[in-house]
Amino acid sequence: MVLDSSILRTDVDDFLSLVQKMGKITLSGAAKQMGVSESTVESWADFLVEEKILGIEYKFTTPYIFMNINDRVKSRSSFSGFEIKEAFFNKASKRNIPRYQAVLLWTKYLSANQDSIKIAFMEKVKERGLPPEKGHMLWKKYYDLLRSG
């Protein structure tokens, strides 16, 4: 981990930055550039592909990973909150991703998807006939609960 003036960065953060910078990169290429094993990069990539943060494509038998921006836009209001959070941490645990890294990834996921989550939440508020000001108050509480580790 590297401490960057105001934020804590992990190897996974560096991995995501590398993928973003390169556009597309092989698993072995990412492992070499980061100085970690290919199996470690593969574990991160599998998890991040499953969470639709990264995409993967194959050229012959070589996997290339890339940032998956389009799926994030497509799933604008399909967030289901606590079920997703529980599934997220269960998947991370099954892939032997340390808890602290899973918490950091979850925080990044929430931050990147906050607008989509809020839209879905406010749609539910409207469906239930609650006034918007009550919805905004409930949203703040709900989002705080999602952010808690």
N, C-alpha and C. Protein backbone atom coordinates (compact mmCIF):
# COMPACT_ATOMS: atom_id res chain seq x y z
N MET A 1 0.83 -1.18 0.00
CA MET A 1 0.00 0.00 0.00
C MET A 1 0.88 1.24 0.00
N VAL A 2 0.40 2.25 -0.66
CA VAL A 2 1.10 3.52 -0.74
C VAL A 2 0.20 4.60 -0.18
N LEU A 3 0.72 5.44 0.70
CA LEU A 3 -0.06 6.53 1.24
C LEU A 3 0.10 7.73 0.33
N ASP A 4 -0.99 8.20 -0.24
CA ASP A 4 -0.97 9.31 -1.18
C ASP A 4 -1.60 10.53 -0.51
N SER A 5 -0.85 11.44 -0.06
CA SER A 5 -1.21 12.65 0.66
C SER A 5 -2.52 12.56 1.44
N SER A 6 -3.65 12.31 0.79
CA SER A 6 -4.91 12.34 1.52
C SER A 6 -5.71 11.05 1.42
N ILE A 7 -5.26 10.09 0.59
CA ILE A 7 -6.03 8.85 0.47
C ILE A 7 -5.11 7.64 0.59
N LEU A 8 -5.71 6.54 0.98
CA LEU A 8 -5.01 5.28 1.09
C LEU A 8 -5.17 4.54 -0.22
N ARG A 9 -4.07 4.10 -0.80
CA ARG A 9 -4.11 3.36 -2.06
C ARG A 9 -3.63 1.94 -1.81
N THR A 10 -4.26 1.00 -2.51
CA THR A 10 -3.88 -0.40 -2.41
C THR A 10 -3.33 -0.86 -3.75
N ASP A 11 -2.85 -2.08 -3.77
CA ASP A 11 -2.38 -2.66 -5.02
C ASP A 11 -3.53 -2.76 -6.04
N VAL A 12 -4.74 -2.99 -5.56
CA VAL A 12 -5.89 -3.06 -6.46
C VAL A 12 -6.15 -1.70 -7.09
N ASP A 13 -6.00 -0.62 -6.31
CA ASP A 13 -6.14 0.73 -6.86
C ASP A 13 -5.11 0.94 -7.96
N ASP A 14 -3.86 0.53 -7.70
CA ASP A 14 -2.80 0.67 -8.69
C ASP A 14 -3.10 -0.16 -9.93
N PHE A 15 -3.66 -1.34 -9.73
CA PHE A 15 -4.05 -2.21 -10.83
C PHE A 15 -5.11 -1.53 -11.70
N LEU A 16 -6.14 -0.97 -11.06
CA LEU A 16 -7.19 -0.28 -11.81
C LEU A 16 -6.63 0.94 -12.55
N SER A 17 -5.72 1.66 -11.91
CA SER A 17 -5.10 2.81 -12.57
C SER A 17 -4.30 2.37 -13.79
N LEU A 18 -3.59 1.26 -13.66
CA LEU A 18 -2.81 0.73 -14.78
C LEU A 18 -3.73 0.36 -15.95
N VAL A 19 -4.81 -0.35 -15.66
CA VAL A 19 -5.75 -0.75 -16.71
C VAL A 19 -6.34 0.48 -17.37
N GLN A 20 -6.71 1.46 -16.57
CA GLN A 20 -7.28 2.69 -17.13
C GLN A 20 -6.26 3.41 -18.02
N LYS A 21 -5.04 3.48 -17.56
CA LYS A 21 -3.98 4.16 -18.33
C LYS A 21 -3.68 3.44 -19.64
N MET A 22 -3.64 2.10 -19.60
CA MET A 22 -3.26 1.32 -20.76
C MET A 22 -4.43 1.12 -21.74
N GLY A 23 -5.63 1.25 -21.28
CA GLY A 23 -6.79 0.97 -22.14
C GLY A 23 -7.12 -0.50 -22.12
N LYS A 24 -6.24 -1.32 -22.64
CA LYS A 24 -6.34 -2.79 -22.59
C LYS A 24 -4.97 -3.32 -22.24
N ILE A 25 -4.95 -4.38 -21.46
CA ILE A 25 -3.67 -4.98 -21.06
C ILE A 25 -3.90 -6.46 -20.76
N THR A 26 -2.88 -7.27 -21.03
CA THR A 26 -2.97 -8.69 -20.70
C THR A 26 -2.76 -8.87 -19.20
N LEU A 27 -3.24 -9.98 -18.68
CA LEU A 27 -3.02 -10.28 -17.26
C LEU A 27 -1.54 -10.39 -16.96
N SER A 28 -0.81 -11.07 -17.85
CA SER A 28 0.63 -11.23 -17.62
C SER A 28 1.35 -9.88 -17.70
N GLY A 29 0.92 -9.03 -18.62
CA GLY A 29 1.52 -7.70 -18.74
C GLY A 29 1.29 -6.86 -17.49
N ALA A 30 0.07 -6.94 -16.96
CA ALA A 30 -0.24 -6.20 -15.73
C ALA A 30 0.58 -6.73 -14.56
N ALA A 31 0.69 -8.06 -14.48
CA ALA A 31 1.47 -8.66 -13.39
C ALA A 31 2.93 -8.23 -13.45
N LYS A 32 3.51 -8.24 -14.65
CA LYS A 32 4.91 -7.83 -14.80
C LYS A 32 5.10 -6.37 -14.42
N GLN A 33 4.22 -5.50 -14.90
CA GLN A 33 4.36 -4.08 -14.61
C GLN A 33 4.18 -3.76 -13.13
N MET A 34 3.35 -4.55 -12.46
CA MET A 34 3.10 -4.30 -11.04
C MET A 34 4.05 -5.07 -10.12
N GLY A 35 4.75 -6.05 -10.67
CA GLY A 35 5.66 -6.84 -9.84
C GLY A 35 4.96 -7.79 -8.90
N VAL A 36 3.80 -8.32 -9.33
CA VAL A 36 3.06 -9.30 -8.55
C VAL A 36 2.83 -10.54 -9.41
N SER A 37 2.38 -11.62 -8.79
CA SER A 37 2.16 -12.84 -9.55
C SER A 37 0.95 -12.71 -10.47
N GLU A 38 0.98 -13.48 -11.54
CA GLU A 38 -0.15 -13.47 -12.48
C GLU A 38 -1.41 -13.99 -11.81
N SER A 39 -1.26 -14.95 -10.88
CA SER A 39 -2.45 -15.48 -10.19
C SER A 39 -3.10 -14.41 -9.31
N THR A 40 -2.30 -13.52 -8.75
CA THR A 40 -2.86 -12.42 -7.95
C THR A 40 -3.67 -11.49 -8.84
N VAL A 41 -3.09 -11.10 -9.98
CA VAL A 41 -3.78 -10.22 -10.92
C VAL A 41 -5.04 -10.91 -11.44
N GLU A 42 -4.95 -12.19 -11.70
CA GLU A 42 -6.11 -12.94 -12.19
C GLU A 42 -7.24 -12.93 -11.16
N SER A 43 -6.89 -13.09 -9.89
CA SER A 43 -7.88 -13.06 -8.81
C SER A 43 -8.58 -11.70 -8.76
N TRP A 44 -7.79 -10.62 -8.81
CA TRP A 44 -8.37 -9.28 -8.82
C TRP A 44 -9.26 -9.10 -10.04
N ALA A 45 -8.74 -9.49 -11.21
CA ALA A 45 -9.49 -9.30 -12.45
C ALA A 45 -10.80 -10.08 -12.43
N ASP A 46 -10.77 -11.33 -11.98
CA ASP A 46 -11.99 -12.14 -11.92
C ASP A 46 -13.06 -11.43 -11.09
N PHE A 47 -12.65 -10.96 -9.93
CA PHE A 47 -13.59 -10.28 -9.04
C PHE A 47 -14.13 -9.00 -9.68
N LEU A 48 -13.24 -8.20 -10.25
CA LEU A 48 -13.63 -6.91 -10.83
C LEU A 48 -14.45 -7.08 -12.11
N VAL A 49 -14.20 -8.16 -12.86
CA VAL A 49 -15.03 -8.46 -14.04
C VAL A 49 -16.43 -8.86 -13.58
N GLU A 50 -16.50 -9.69 -12.55
CA GLU A 50 -17.79 -10.13 -12.03
C GLU A 50 -18.60 -8.95 -11.51
N GLU A 51 -17.93 -7.96 -10.95
CA GLU A 51 -18.60 -6.76 -10.44
C GLU A 51 -18.83 -5.72 -11.53
N LYS A 52 -18.44 -6.06 -12.76
CA LYS A 52 -18.61 -5.21 -13.95
C LYS A 52 -17.83 -3.90 -13.87
N ILE A 53 -16.75 -3.92 -13.11
CA ILE A 53 -15.85 -2.77 -13.07
C ILE A 53 -14.86 -2.89 -14.22
N LEU A 54 -14.44 -4.13 -14.50
CA LEU A 54 -13.56 -4.42 -15.63
C LEU A 54 -14.30 -5.31 -16.63
N GLY A 55 -13.86 -5.24 -17.87
CA GLY A 55 -14.32 -6.17 -18.89
C GLY A 55 -13.16 -7.04 -19.31
N ILE A 56 -13.45 -8.15 -19.98
CA ILE A 56 -12.40 -9.05 -20.44
C ILE A 56 -12.75 -9.53 -21.84
N GLU A 57 -11.73 -9.62 -22.68
CA GLU A 57 -11.91 -10.18 -24.01
C GLU A 57 -10.69 -11.04 -24.31
N TYR A 58 -10.87 -11.98 -25.22
CA TYR A 58 -9.79 -12.90 -25.57
C TYR A 58 -9.39 -12.71 -27.02
N LYS A 59 -8.09 -12.68 -27.23
CA LYS A 59 -7.53 -12.75 -28.58
C LYS A 59 -6.78 -14.06 -28.62
N PHE A 60 -7.33 -14.99 -29.36
CA PHE A 60 -6.90 -16.38 -29.33
C PHE A 60 -7.07 -16.88 -27.90
N THR A 61 -6.00 -17.18 -27.19
CA THR A 61 -6.15 -17.66 -25.81
C THR A 61 -5.63 -16.65 -24.79
N THR A 62 -5.33 -15.45 -25.25
CA THR A 62 -4.79 -14.43 -24.34
C THR A 62 -5.89 -13.49 -23.86
N PRO A 63 -6.09 -13.44 -22.52
CA PRO A 63 -7.12 -12.53 -22.00
C PRO A 63 -6.59 -11.09 -21.89
N TYR A 64 -7.40 -10.15 -22.35
CA TYR A 64 -7.12 -8.72 -22.22
C TYR A 64 -8.19 -8.11 -21.33
N ILE A 65 -7.78 -7.30 -20.39
CA ILE A 65 -8.74 -6.64 -19.50
C ILE A 65 -8.80 -5.15 -19.82
N PHE A 66 -9.95 -4.55 -19.53
CA PHE A 66 -10.16 -3.14 -19.81
C PHE A 66 -11.22 -2.61 -18.85
N MET A 67 -11.28 -1.28 -18.71
CA MET A 67 -12.29 -0.65 -17.85
C MET A 67 -13.65 -0.83 -18.52
N ASN A 68 -14.64 -1.19 -17.74
CA ASN A 68 -15.96 -1.50 -18.26
C ASN A 68 -16.92 -0.34 -17.98
N ILE A 69 -16.83 0.69 -18.76
CA ILE A 69 -17.64 1.90 -18.55
C ILE A 69 -19.06 1.71 -19.04
N ASN A 70 -19.28 1.04 -20.16
CA ASN A 70 -20.61 0.92 -20.75
C ASN A 70 -21.60 0.19 -19.88
N ASP A 71 -21.17 -0.91 -19.22
CA ASP A 71 -22.11 -1.66 -18.38
C ASP A 71 -22.56 -0.83 -17.19
N ARG A 72 -21.67 0.03 -16.68
CA ARG A 72 -22.04 0.89 -15.56
C ARG A 72 -23.17 1.82 -15.98
N VAL A 73 -23.09 2.34 -17.20
CA VAL A 73 -24.12 3.25 -17.69
C VAL A 73 -25.42 2.48 -17.95
N LYS A 74 -25.34 1.27 -18.49
CA LYS A 74 -26.52 0.48 -18.81
C LYS A 74 -27.32 0.12 -17.56
N SER A 75 -26.63 -0.15 -16.45
CA SER A 75 -27.32 -0.61 -15.25
C SER A 75 -27.65 0.56 -14.33
N ARG A 76 -28.04 1.66 -14.90
CA ARG A 76 -28.26 2.93 -14.20
C ARG A 76 -29.13 2.78 -12.95
N SER A 77 -30.25 2.11 -13.04
CA SER A 77 -31.14 2.07 -11.87
C SER A 77 -31.41 0.64 -11.41
N SER A 78 -30.48 -0.26 -11.61
CA SER A 78 -30.72 -1.65 -11.23
C SER A 78 -30.03 -2.03 -9.93
N PHE A 79 -29.68 -1.08 -9.10
CA PHE A 79 -28.97 -1.33 -7.85
C PHE A 79 -29.96 -1.77 -6.78
N SER A 80 -29.62 -2.83 -6.05
CA SER A 80 -30.53 -3.30 -5.01
C SER A 80 -29.88 -3.30 -3.64
N GLY A 81 -29.03 -2.34 -3.39
CA GLY A 81 -28.53 -2.02 -2.06
C GLY A 81 -27.91 -3.12 -1.25
N PHE A 82 -28.56 -3.44 -0.14
CA PHE A 82 -27.95 -4.36 0.81
C PHE A 82 -27.70 -5.75 0.23
N GLU A 83 -28.57 -6.22 -0.66
CA GLU A 83 -28.33 -7.52 -1.27
C GLU A 83 -27.02 -7.49 -2.06
N ILE A 84 -26.79 -6.39 -2.77
CA ILE A 84 -25.56 -6.23 -3.52
C ILE A 84 -24.37 -6.17 -2.58
N LYS A 85 -24.50 -5.43 -1.49
CA LYS A 85 -23.39 -5.28 -0.53
C LYS A 85 -23.01 -6.65 0.04
N GLU A 86 -24.00 -7.40 0.47
CA GLU A 86 -23.73 -8.72 1.04
C GLU A 86 -23.09 -9.63 -0.01
N ALA A 87 -23.62 -9.63 -1.21
CA ALA A 87 -23.06 -10.46 -2.29
C ALA A 87 -21.64 -10.02 -2.62
N PHE A 88 -21.42 -8.72 -2.64
CA PHE A 88 -20.10 -8.16 -2.93
C PHE A 88 -19.06 -8.70 -1.95
N PHE A 89 -19.36 -8.61 -0.66
CA PHE A 89 -18.41 -9.07 0.36
C PHE A 89 -18.28 -10.60 0.36
N ASN A 90 -19.36 -11.31 0.06
CA ASN A 90 -19.26 -12.77 -0.04
C ASN A 90 -18.35 -13.19 -1.19
N LYS A 91 -18.50 -12.52 -2.34
CA LYS A 91 -17.65 -12.84 -3.49
C LYS A 91 -16.20 -12.52 -3.19
N ALA A 92 -15.97 -11.40 -2.55
CA ALA A 92 -14.60 -11.01 -2.21
C ALA A 92 -13.98 -12.05 -1.27
N SER A 93 -14.75 -12.50 -0.31
CA SER A 93 -14.26 -13.50 0.65
C SER A 93 -13.93 -14.82 -0.06
N LYS A 94 -14.82 -15.26 -0.96
CA LYS A 94 -14.59 -16.50 -1.69
C LYS A 94 -13.35 -16.42 -2.58
N ARG A 95 -13.00 -15.21 -3.01
CA ARG A 95 -11.83 -15.03 -3.86
C ARG A 95 -10.58 -14.68 -3.05
N ASN A 96 -10.70 -14.83 -1.73
CA ASN A 96 -9.58 -14.56 -0.81
C ASN A 96 -9.03 -13.13 -0.92
N ILE A 97 -9.91 -12.19 -1.21
CA ILE A 97 -9.52 -10.79 -1.21
C ILE A 97 -9.60 -10.33 0.23
N PRO A 98 -8.51 -9.79 0.77
CA PRO A 98 -8.52 -9.37 2.18
C PRO A 98 -9.65 -8.38 2.47
N ARG A 99 -10.18 -8.45 3.67
CA ARG A 99 -11.32 -7.62 4.07
C ARG A 99 -11.05 -6.14 3.82
N TYR A 100 -9.84 -5.66 4.18
CA TYR A 100 -9.56 -4.24 4.00
C TYR A 100 -9.62 -3.84 2.53
N GLN A 101 -9.18 -4.74 1.62
CA GLN A 101 -9.26 -4.43 0.19
C GLN A 101 -10.71 -4.46 -0.28
N ALA A 102 -11.49 -5.41 0.24
CA ALA A 102 -12.90 -5.48 -0.13
C ALA A 102 -13.64 -4.22 0.32
N VAL A 103 -13.32 -3.74 1.51
CA VAL A 103 -13.95 -2.50 2.01
C VAL A 103 -13.58 -1.33 1.10
N LEU A 104 -12.32 -1.25 0.71
CA LEU A 104 -11.90 -0.16 -0.18
C LEU A 104 -12.55 -0.28 -1.56
N LEU A 105 -12.65 -1.50 -2.08
CA LEU A 105 -13.32 -1.70 -3.36
C LEU A 105 -14.81 -1.35 -3.26
N TRP A 106 -15.44 -1.74 -2.15
CA TRP A 106 -16.86 -1.42 -1.95
C TRP A 106 -17.05 0.10 -1.91
N THR A 107 -16.16 0.79 -1.22
CA THR A 107 -16.24 2.25 -1.13
C THR A 107 -16.10 2.87 -2.52
N LYS A 108 -15.16 2.36 -3.32
CA LYS A 108 -14.99 2.86 -4.70
C LYS A 108 -16.24 2.57 -5.53
N TYR A 109 -16.79 1.37 -5.37
CA TYR A 109 -17.99 0.97 -6.10
C TYR A 109 -19.15 1.91 -5.76
N LEU A 110 -19.34 2.18 -4.48
CA LEU A 110 -20.41 3.09 -4.07
C LEU A 110 -20.20 4.48 -4.63
N SER A 111 -18.98 4.93 -4.55
CA SER A 111 -18.68 6.27 -5.05
C SER A 111 -18.94 6.37 -6.55
N ALA A 112 -18.53 5.38 -7.29
CA ALA A 112 -18.70 5.38 -8.75
C ALA A 112 -20.16 5.23 -9.16
N ASN A 113 -20.97 4.61 -8.30
CA ASN A 113 -22.36 4.32 -8.64
C ASN A 113 -23.37 5.10 -7.81
N GLN A 114 -22.92 6.09 -7.07
CA GLN A 114 -23.81 6.81 -6.16
C GLN A 114 -25.04 7.38 -6.87
N ASP A 115 -24.84 7.99 -8.04
CA ASP A 115 -25.97 8.57 -8.76
C ASP A 115 -26.99 7.50 -9.16
N SER A 116 -26.50 6.37 -9.65
CA SER A 116 -27.40 5.27 -10.05
C SER A 116 -28.16 4.72 -8.86
N ILE A 117 -27.47 4.58 -7.76
CA ILE A 117 -28.10 4.06 -6.54
C ILE A 117 -29.19 5.03 -6.07
N LYS A 118 -28.87 6.32 -6.09
CA LYS A 118 -29.84 7.32 -5.63
C LYS A 118 -31.07 7.35 -6.54
N ILE A 119 -30.85 7.25 -7.83
CA ILE A 119 -31.98 7.25 -8.77
C ILE A 119 -32.91 6.07 -8.47
N ALA A 120 -32.33 4.88 -8.30
CA ALA A 120 -33.14 3.70 -7.99
C ALA A 120 -33.86 3.87 -6.66
N PHE A 121 -33.16 4.43 -5.68
CA PHE A 121 -33.76 4.65 -4.36
C PHE A 121 -34.94 5.62 -4.46
N MET A 122 -34.72 6.73 -5.15
CA MET A 122 -35.76 7.75 -5.26
C MET A 122 -36.95 7.25 -6.09
N GLU A 123 -36.71 6.33 -7.04
CA GLU A 123 -37.82 5.71 -7.77
C GLU A 123 -38.70 4.91 -6.81
N LYS A 124 -38.06 4.21 -5.88
CA LYS A 124 -38.82 3.44 -4.87
C LYS A 124 -39.60 4.37 -3.95
N VAL A 125 -38.98 5.50 -3.59
CA VAL A 125 -39.66 6.50 -2.75
C VAL A 125 -40.94 6.97 -3.46
N LYS A 126 -40.80 7.28 -4.74
CA LYS A 126 -41.93 7.77 -5.53
C LYS A 126 -43.02 6.69 -5.64
N GLU A 127 -42.60 5.43 -5.90
CA GLU A 127 -43.56 4.32 -6.01
C GLU A 127 -44.37 4.16 -4.73
N ARG A 128 -43.76 4.45 -3.60
CA ARG A 128 -44.45 4.30 -2.31
C ARG A 128 -45.22 5.54 -1.91
N GLY A 129 -45.19 6.56 -2.75
CA GLY A 129 -45.97 7.76 -2.50
C GLY A 129 -45.43 8.65 -1.39
N LEU A 130 -44.16 8.52 -1.07
CA LEU A 130 -43.57 9.37 -0.03
C LEU A 130 -43.20 10.73 -0.60
N PRO A 131 -43.30 11.78 0.21
CA PRO A 131 -42.91 13.10 -0.29
C PRO A 131 -41.39 13.15 -0.55
N PRO A 132 -40.96 13.92 -1.56
CA PRO A 132 -39.54 13.99 -1.92
C PRO A 132 -38.63 14.38 -0.76
N GLU A 133 -39.07 15.32 0.10
CA GLU A 133 -38.20 15.73 1.21
C GLU A 133 -37.97 14.58 2.19
N LYS A 134 -38.97 13.74 2.39
CA LYS A 134 -38.82 12.55 3.24
C LYS A 134 -37.86 11.56 2.54
N GLY A 135 -37.99 11.45 1.22
CA GLY A 135 -37.11 10.58 0.44
C GLY A 135 -35.66 10.99 0.56
N HIS A 136 -35.40 12.30 0.50
CA HIS A 136 -34.01 12.78 0.61
C HIS A 136 -33.44 12.50 2.00
N MET A 137 -34.27 12.64 3.03
CA MET A 137 -33.82 12.35 4.39
C MET A 137 -33.51 10.84 4.53
N LEU A 138 -34.41 10.01 4.00
CA LEU A 138 -34.20 8.56 4.05
C LEU A 138 -32.97 8.15 3.22
N TRP A 139 -32.77 8.82 2.08
CA TRP A 139 -31.61 8.53 1.23
C TRP A 139 -30.31 8.72 2.00
N LYS A 140 -30.20 9.81 2.73
CA LYS A 140 -28.98 10.09 3.50
C LYS A 140 -28.70 8.97 4.50
N LYS A 141 -29.74 8.54 5.19
CA LYS A 141 -29.58 7.45 6.17
C LYS A 141 -29.19 6.14 5.47
N TYR A 142 -29.89 5.86 4.38
CA TYR A 142 -29.64 4.63 3.62
C TYR A 142 -28.20 4.58 3.09
N TYR A 143 -27.77 5.69 2.50
CA TYR A 143 -26.42 5.73 1.93
C TYR A 143 -25.37 5.61 3.04
N ASP A 144 -25.62 6.23 4.18
CA ASP A 144 -24.69 6.08 5.31
C ASP A 144 -24.59 4.62 5.73
N LEU A 145 -25.73 3.91 5.73
CA LEU A 145 -25.70 2.49 6.08
C LEU A 145 -24.94 1.66 5.05
N LEU A 146 -25.11 1.98 3.77
CA LEU A 146 -24.36 1.27 2.73
C LEU A 146 -22.85 1.50 2.88
N ARG A 147 -22.47 2.71 3.26
CA ARG A 147 -21.04 3.05 3.39
C ARG A 147 -20.40 2.40 4.61
N SER A 148 -21.19 2.10 5.62
CA SER A 148 -20.59 1.51 6.84
C SER A 148 -20.08 0.11 6.53
N GLY A 149 -18.88 -0.18 7.04
CA GLY A 149 -18.23 -1.46 6.76
C GLY A 149 -18.88 -2.57 7.46
